[in-house]
Amino acid sequence: MNNRKTALITGASRGIGAAIAKLLAENGYHLVLTCDKSISALVKLSEQIMEEYSVSCTPLQADMSKEEDVLQIFEHIKNLDVVVNNAGISHVGLLSDMTSQEWHRVLGVNLDSCFYTSRAAIPLMLNKHEGHIINISSVWGNVGASMEVAYSASKGGMNAFTKALAKELAPSGIRVNAIACGVIDTQMNACFTEEDMAILKSEIPADRLGSPMEVAQLVLQLITGPAYLTGQVITLDGGWI
C-alpha cells in the first residue's frame, strides 16, 4: 500500500459497516474489511469500492470473536491508522431462556472482538504516535434494554472499554471513542414486526430511524475532529434516550 491511510472495519458486508467503508474510501482510505458469513457480499462491495474510489480494499472472512481469526487478519496488515469495531450481533429474549452458548456468543462477537482487534492494532499505531479506535456501541449500553440483557451488557462493556483504553493510550496520541447508536435502519432490526417498529419510531423525537450513513459521517468526524477528543461515548439517537 502507498502513503494513504489505512482503516480496518469489522462487520463491513452491509449496513453500518458498509456505509463506513464507502465514506472512508471516498476520503482516500485504503481498507481492510471483514465479515463472518457474508463473504460474497463483502467481495462485491470491495470490488465496487476499488472501482469507484481507486483505493485498495481487502475483504477477509473472519469470526471476530476468535483470537486466531483476528491474528490471521493482522498478518495482512502492516500499516494501520483507524480501527472501527463494528462487528456485532443481537439477541432478543428472556435472560432465563438464554443458553450459556448464546450468552458467550453475544459477548464474544460484540466485546471480545474489541479486545482482540485493539490489542493487535495498538503496536502499529504506537510507531506513528497517532491512530483512532472507534467502537460502534448502542444506547442500550448506556441504559439497558429489557429482553436484550446480553446485548446491553456487551455494549456497556464496550463503553467502559472505550473510556479506559482512551486513558491508557492518550499519552501515545491514539484516540479511542465510541458511538452509542439508537435505532439505525439495518437488518439487525428484522426481528421486529412492522407494528413494533412503528411504535418505536413514534417514541423517537426525530420521528425516524437513523441511517447507516449518519453513523459513517460521525465516524469520519471523530477521525478528523480535535485531537483532544478521546474517551467519549457519543450518543446518536435522534433525541430518543
Protein backbone atom coordinates (compact mmCIF):
# COMPACT_ATOMS: atom_id res chain seq x y z
CA MET A 1 0.00 0.00 0.00
CA ASN A 2 1.14 3.58 -0.60
CA ASN A 3 1.20 6.50 1.82
CA ARG A 4 -2.56 6.81 2.02
CA LYS A 5 -4.01 5.93 5.39
CA THR A 6 -5.50 2.53 6.10
CA ALA A 7 -8.63 1.59 8.03
CA LEU A 8 -9.82 -1.77 9.33
CA ILE A 9 -13.61 -2.08 9.54
CA THR A 10 -15.13 -5.20 11.04
CA GLY A 11 -18.61 -6.44 10.16
CA ALA A 12 -18.49 -4.49 6.91
CA SER A 13 -20.54 -6.54 4.46
CA ARG A 14 -23.70 -4.47 4.91
CA GLY A 15 -25.46 -1.78 6.93
CA ILE A 16 -23.34 0.46 9.13
CA GLY A 17 -20.05 -1.24 8.28
CA ALA A 18 -20.59 -0.93 4.54
CA ALA A 19 -21.55 2.73 4.86
CA ILE A 20 -18.41 3.47 6.88
CA ALA A 21 -16.29 1.64 4.29
CA LYS A 22 -17.71 3.68 1.41
CA LEU A 23 -17.29 7.01 3.17
CA LEU A 24 -13.72 6.34 4.27
CA ALA A 25 -12.84 5.14 0.76
CA GLU A 26 -14.35 8.34 -0.63
CA ASN A 27 -11.96 10.18 1.66
CA GLY A 28 -8.93 8.29 0.39
CA TYR A 29 -8.52 5.47 2.89
CA HIS A 30 -7.24 2.05 1.92
CA LEU A 31 -9.46 -0.55 3.52
CA VAL A 32 -9.33 -3.95 5.17
CA LEU A 33 -12.89 -5.24 5.60
CA THR A 34 -14.12 -8.28 7.49
CA CYS A 35 -17.29 -10.30 7.80
CA ASP A 36 -18.20 -13.64 9.34
CA LYS A 37 -20.60 -15.24 6.87
CA SER A 38 -21.46 -12.86 4.00
CA ILE A 39 -18.14 -13.07 2.17
CA SER A 40 -19.70 -12.90 -1.32
CA ALA A 41 -21.41 -9.62 -0.40
CA LEU A 42 -18.17 -8.31 1.08
CA VAL A 43 -16.19 -9.20 -2.03
CA LYS A 44 -18.77 -7.45 -4.22
CA LEU A 45 -18.64 -4.36 -2.00
CA SER A 46 -14.83 -4.36 -2.12
CA GLU A 47 -14.83 -4.54 -5.90
CA GLN A 48 -17.28 -1.64 -6.12
CA ILE A 49 -15.18 0.44 -3.73
CA MET A 50 -11.94 -0.18 -5.62
CA GLU A 51 -13.55 0.69 -8.94
CA GLU A 52 -15.27 3.82 -7.70
CA TYR A 53 -12.67 5.28 -5.35
CA SER A 54 -9.34 3.90 -6.65
CA VAL A 55 -8.21 2.66 -3.25
CA SER A 56 -7.14 -0.82 -2.27
CA CYS A 57 -9.76 -2.87 -0.43
CA THR A 58 -9.04 -6.28 1.07
CA PRO A 59 -12.08 -8.42 2.02
CA LEU A 60 -11.41 -11.08 4.66
CA GLN A 61 -13.71 -13.67 6.20
CA ALA A 62 -13.24 -13.98 9.95
CA ASP A 63 -15.10 -14.66 13.17
CA MET A 64 -14.02 -11.65 15.19
CA SER A 65 -14.84 -13.43 18.45
CA LYS A 66 -11.97 -15.85 17.80
CA GLU A 67 -8.45 -14.73 18.65
CA GLU A 68 -6.87 -16.88 15.95
CA ASP A 69 -9.06 -15.33 13.23
CA VAL A 70 -8.11 -11.81 14.30
CA LEU A 71 -4.42 -12.69 14.36
CA GLN A 72 -4.72 -14.03 10.81
CA ILE A 73 -6.30 -10.76 9.70
CA PHE A 74 -3.39 -8.80 11.06
CA GLU A 75 -0.98 -10.88 9.02
CA HIS A 76 -2.38 -8.88 6.07
CA ILE A 77 -1.92 -5.50 7.80
CA LYS A 78 1.44 -3.75 8.00
CA ASN A 79 0.14 -0.20 8.26
CA LEU A 80 -2.95 0.93 10.17
CA ASP A 81 -4.42 4.28 11.12
CA VAL A 82 -8.05 3.55 12.01
CA VAL A 83 -9.89 0.61 13.55
CA VAL A 84 -13.69 0.60 13.52
CA ASN A 85 -15.03 -2.17 15.73
CA ASN A 86 -18.43 -2.61 14.13
CA ALA A 87 -18.96 -6.39 14.15
CA GLY A 88 -21.94 -7.17 16.33
CA ILE A 89 -24.93 -9.42 16.86
CA SER A 90 -28.12 -9.06 18.89
CA HIS A 91 -30.21 -11.49 20.89
CA VAL A 92 -33.81 -10.77 21.87
CA GLY A 93 -35.42 -12.89 24.55
CA LEU A 94 -35.75 -13.50 28.24
CA LEU A 95 -32.49 -13.97 30.09
CA SER A 96 -33.99 -17.01 31.84
CA ASP A 97 -34.42 -18.67 28.44
CA MET A 98 -30.93 -17.82 27.18
CA THR A 99 -28.36 -20.59 26.92
CA SER A 100 -24.77 -20.21 28.05
CA GLN A 101 -23.68 -20.66 24.44
CA GLU A 102 -25.92 -17.81 23.28
CA TRP A 103 -24.63 -15.56 26.08
CA HIS A 104 -20.97 -16.21 25.27
CA ARG A 105 -21.61 -15.77 21.55
CA VAL A 106 -23.06 -12.27 22.04
CA LEU A 107 -20.29 -11.24 24.43
CA GLY A 108 -17.66 -12.75 22.14
CA VAL A 109 -18.71 -11.05 18.92
CA ASN A 110 -19.59 -7.70 20.49
CA LEU A 111 -16.92 -7.30 23.18
CA ASP A 112 -14.12 -9.85 22.93
CA SER A 113 -13.60 -8.74 19.34
CA CYS A 114 -12.77 -5.22 20.52
CA PHE A 115 -10.06 -6.60 22.76
CA TYR A 116 -8.52 -8.75 20.03
CA THR A 117 -8.51 -6.06 17.34
CA SER A 118 -7.39 -3.24 19.60
CA ARG A 119 -4.56 -5.27 21.11
CA ALA A 120 -3.29 -6.17 17.64
CA ALA A 121 -3.68 -2.63 16.27
CA ILE A 122 -2.00 -0.71 19.07
CA PRO A 123 1.62 -1.61 18.16
CA LEU A 124 1.05 -0.43 14.58
CA MET A 125 -0.29 2.90 15.86
CA LEU A 126 2.36 3.37 18.54
CA ASN A 127 5.00 3.51 15.83
CA LYS A 128 3.28 6.58 14.39
CA HIS A 129 2.24 8.12 17.72
CA GLU A 130 -1.25 8.51 16.31
CA GLY A 131 -4.33 6.50 15.43
CA HIS A 132 -8.04 6.02 16.03
CA ILE A 133 -10.03 3.19 17.57
CA ILE A 134 -13.76 3.76 17.15
CA ASN A 135 -16.26 1.35 18.69
CA ILE A 136 -19.80 1.12 17.36
CA SER A 137 -21.90 0.77 20.51
CA SER A 138 -25.56 1.22 21.40
CA VAL A 139 -27.77 3.31 23.64
CA TRP A 140 -28.62 0.02 25.36
CA GLY A 141 -25.05 0.04 26.62
CA ASN A 142 -25.94 3.26 28.45
CA VAL A 143 -29.36 2.40 29.87
CA GLY A 144 -30.01 -1.31 29.25
CA ALA A 145 -32.93 -2.91 27.44
CA SER A 146 -35.43 -5.47 28.65
CA MET A 147 -35.21 -8.71 26.64
CA GLU A 148 -31.72 -7.71 25.46
CA VAL A 149 -29.64 -8.25 28.58
CA ALA A 150 -26.64 -9.86 26.87
CA TYR A 151 -26.57 -7.25 24.13
CA SER A 152 -26.86 -4.44 26.69
CA ALA A 153 -24.10 -5.96 28.81
CA SER A 154 -21.80 -6.31 25.83
CA LYS A 155 -22.31 -2.71 24.75
CA GLY A 156 -21.99 -1.44 28.32
CA GLY A 157 -18.69 -3.29 28.46
CA MET A 158 -17.68 -1.72 25.17
CA ASN A 159 -18.39 1.75 26.57
CA ALA A 160 -16.25 1.12 29.66
CA PHE A 161 -13.57 -0.43 27.44
CA THR A 162 -13.57 2.75 25.35
CA LYS A 163 -13.14 5.08 28.29
CA ALA A 164 -10.44 3.01 29.96
CA LEU A 165 -8.40 2.37 26.82
CA ALA A 166 -8.59 6.05 25.86
CA LYS A 167 -6.89 6.96 29.14
CA GLU A 168 -4.24 4.32 28.56
CA LEU A 169 -3.45 5.44 25.01
CA ALA A 170 -3.88 9.22 25.23
CA PRO A 171 -0.18 9.80 26.05
CA SER A 172 0.67 7.95 22.82
CA GLY A 173 -1.54 10.14 20.63
CA ILE A 174 -4.06 7.34 19.96
CA ARG A 175 -7.68 8.35 20.35
CA VAL A 176 -10.42 5.94 21.41
CA ASN A 177 -14.11 6.85 21.14
CA ALA A 178 -17.45 5.10 20.79
CA ILE A 179 -20.75 5.87 19.09
CA ALA A 180 -23.83 4.78 21.05
CA CYS A 181 -26.34 4.26 18.26
CA GLY A 182 -30.07 4.46 18.68
CA VAL A 183 -32.35 2.69 16.20
CA ILE A 184 -30.49 2.57 12.91
CA ASP A 185 -32.23 1.29 9.78
CA THR A 186 -30.36 -2.00 9.30
CA GLN A 187 -31.14 -5.70 9.02
CA MET A 188 -30.45 -6.12 12.74
CA ASN A 189 -33.98 -4.81 13.27
CA ALA A 190 -35.52 -7.51 11.07
CA CYS A 191 -36.59 -9.44 14.17
CA PHE A 192 -39.15 -6.75 14.99
CA THR A 193 -42.60 -6.59 13.41
CA GLU A 194 -43.77 -3.65 11.35
CA GLU A 195 -46.08 -2.69 14.22
CA ASP A 196 -43.22 -2.83 16.73
CA MET A 197 -41.10 -0.60 14.50
CA ALA A 198 -43.94 1.91 14.10
CA ILE A 199 -44.32 2.15 17.87
CA LEU A 200 -40.57 2.53 18.26
CA LYS A 201 -40.43 5.26 15.64
CA SER A 202 -43.19 7.18 17.44
CA GLU A 203 -41.01 7.29 20.56
CA ILE A 204 -38.12 8.96 18.74
CA PRO A 205 -38.31 12.79 18.75
CA ALA A 206 -36.68 12.93 15.30
CA ASP A 207 -39.65 10.81 14.10
CA ARG A 208 -37.48 8.47 12.05
CA LEU A 209 -34.80 5.84 12.23
CA GLY A 210 -31.18 6.80 11.83
CA SER A 211 -29.34 5.86 8.65
CA PRO A 212 -26.09 3.90 8.37
CA MET A 213 -24.55 6.84 6.52
CA GLU A 214 -25.21 9.11 9.50
CA VAL A 215 -23.18 6.74 11.65
CA ALA A 216 -20.46 6.76 8.99
CA GLN A 217 -20.45 10.56 8.96
CA LEU A 218 -19.92 10.63 12.72
CA VAL A 219 -17.06 8.14 12.39
CA LEU A 220 -15.38 10.47 9.90
CA GLN A 221 -15.98 13.45 12.16
CA LEU A 222 -14.30 11.64 15.04
CA ILE A 223 -11.30 10.86 12.85
CA THR A 224 -10.94 14.42 11.56
CA GLY A 225 -12.01 16.17 14.77
CA PRO A 226 -9.93 17.77 17.52
CA ALA A 227 -7.04 15.70 18.85
CA TYR A 228 -8.28 16.45 22.38
CA LEU A 229 -11.47 14.45 21.77
CA THR A 230 -10.94 10.99 23.24
CA GLY A 231 -12.58 8.66 25.75
CA GLN A 232 -16.09 9.71 24.73
CA VAL A 233 -19.24 7.67 24.14
CA ILE A 234 -21.27 9.86 21.80
CA THR A 235 -24.98 9.14 21.51
CA LEU A 236 -26.54 9.21 18.03
CA ASP A 237 -30.25 8.52 18.53
CA GLY A 238 -32.42 11.37 17.26
CA GLY A 239 -33.09 12.54 20.83
CA TRP A 240 -34.59 9.19 21.82
CA ILE A 241 -32.88 8.28 25.13
